[in-house]
Amino acid sequence: MKQVLTLVVKLQVDINQQQLLNDTAIAFASACNWINRNVNPNLTKRVLSQKVLVTEAHQQNRFNLVI
């Protein structure tokens, strides 16, 4: 049986790192919301839906992510 462990840590970051982490969290949340609104409910194959959505998001650089 596979065992799953969880680790809780508190990061000590400077103000610049804190801003970068915050910006990353906001971009991630925006991407999740966009995918939720745009995924075709009839598209049941995970690999296909991932290919379609990731390709569109990357091509349009919707979330200002560094690729």
Protein backbone atom coordinates (compact mmCIF):
# COMPACT_ATOMS: atom_id res chain seq x y z
CA MET A 1 0.00 0.00 0.00
CA LYS A 2 1.29 3.45 -0.90
CA GLN A 3 1.82 5.76 2.08
CA VAL A 4 1.23 9.49 1.70
CA LEU A 5 3.01 11.92 4.01
CA THR A 6 2.20 15.59 4.44
CA LEU A 7 4.72 18.23 5.43
CA VAL A 8 3.72 21.67 6.67
CA VAL A 9 6.35 24.39 6.48
CA LYS A 10 6.48 28.11 6.99
CA LEU A 11 8.59 29.97 4.44
CA GLN A 12 10.73 32.91 5.44
CA VAL A 13 10.81 35.08 2.34
CA ASP A 14 11.73 38.66 1.67
CA ILE A 15 9.21 41.17 0.31
CA ASN A 16 10.19 40.55 -3.34
CA GLN A 17 9.81 36.79 -2.98
CA GLN A 18 6.50 37.31 -1.20
CA GLN A 19 5.23 39.38 -4.13
CA LEU A 20 6.38 36.74 -6.64
CA LEU A 21 4.65 33.98 -4.67
CA ASN A 22 1.48 36.06 -4.48
CA ASP A 23 1.58 36.80 -8.22
CA THR A 24 2.09 33.10 -8.95
CA ALA A 25 -0.87 32.12 -6.75
CA ILE A 26 -3.09 34.69 -8.48
CA ALA A 27 -2.03 33.50 -11.96
CA PHE A 28 -2.65 29.88 -10.94
CA ALA A 29 -6.12 30.70 -9.58
CA SER A 30 -6.95 32.66 -12.75
CA ALA A 31 -5.85 29.73 -14.90
CA CYS A 32 -7.96 27.28 -12.88
CA ASN A 33 -11.02 29.53 -13.15
CA TRP A 34 -10.52 30.01 -16.89
CA ILE A 35 -10.17 26.26 -17.46
CA ASN A 36 -13.29 25.59 -15.39
CA ARG A 37 -15.29 28.08 -17.48
CA ASN A 38 -13.93 26.88 -20.83
CA VAL A 39 -13.68 23.12 -20.58
CA ASN A 40 -16.18 21.26 -22.71
CA PRO A 41 -18.15 18.99 -20.32
CA ASN A 42 -18.47 16.43 -23.13
CA LEU A 43 -14.69 16.17 -23.45
CA THR A 44 -14.08 13.23 -21.14
CA LYS A 45 -10.57 12.16 -22.13
CA ARG A 46 -8.17 13.91 -19.74
CA VAL A 47 -5.20 13.91 -22.12
CA LEU A 48 -7.22 15.45 -24.95
CA SER A 49 -8.78 18.14 -22.78
CA GLN A 50 -5.37 18.95 -21.30
CA LYS A 51 -3.84 19.26 -24.76
CA VAL A 52 -6.60 21.56 -26.00
CA LEU A 53 -6.65 23.84 -22.94
CA VAL A 54 -2.91 24.04 -22.33
CA THR A 55 -2.22 24.75 -26.00
CA GLU A 56 -4.77 27.59 -26.07
CA ALA A 57 -3.56 29.07 -22.78
CA HIS A 58 0.10 28.93 -23.88
CA GLN A 59 -0.55 30.35 -27.34
CA GLN A 60 -2.38 33.33 -25.95
CA ASN A 61 -0.19 33.59 -22.82
CA ARG A 62 -3.38 34.40 -20.95
CA PHE A 63 -1.85 34.37 -17.50
CA ASN A 64 1.58 35.93 -18.13
CA LEU A 65 3.26 32.67 -17.17
CA VAL A 66 6.90 32.05 -17.99
CA ILE A 67 7.09 28.90 -20.07
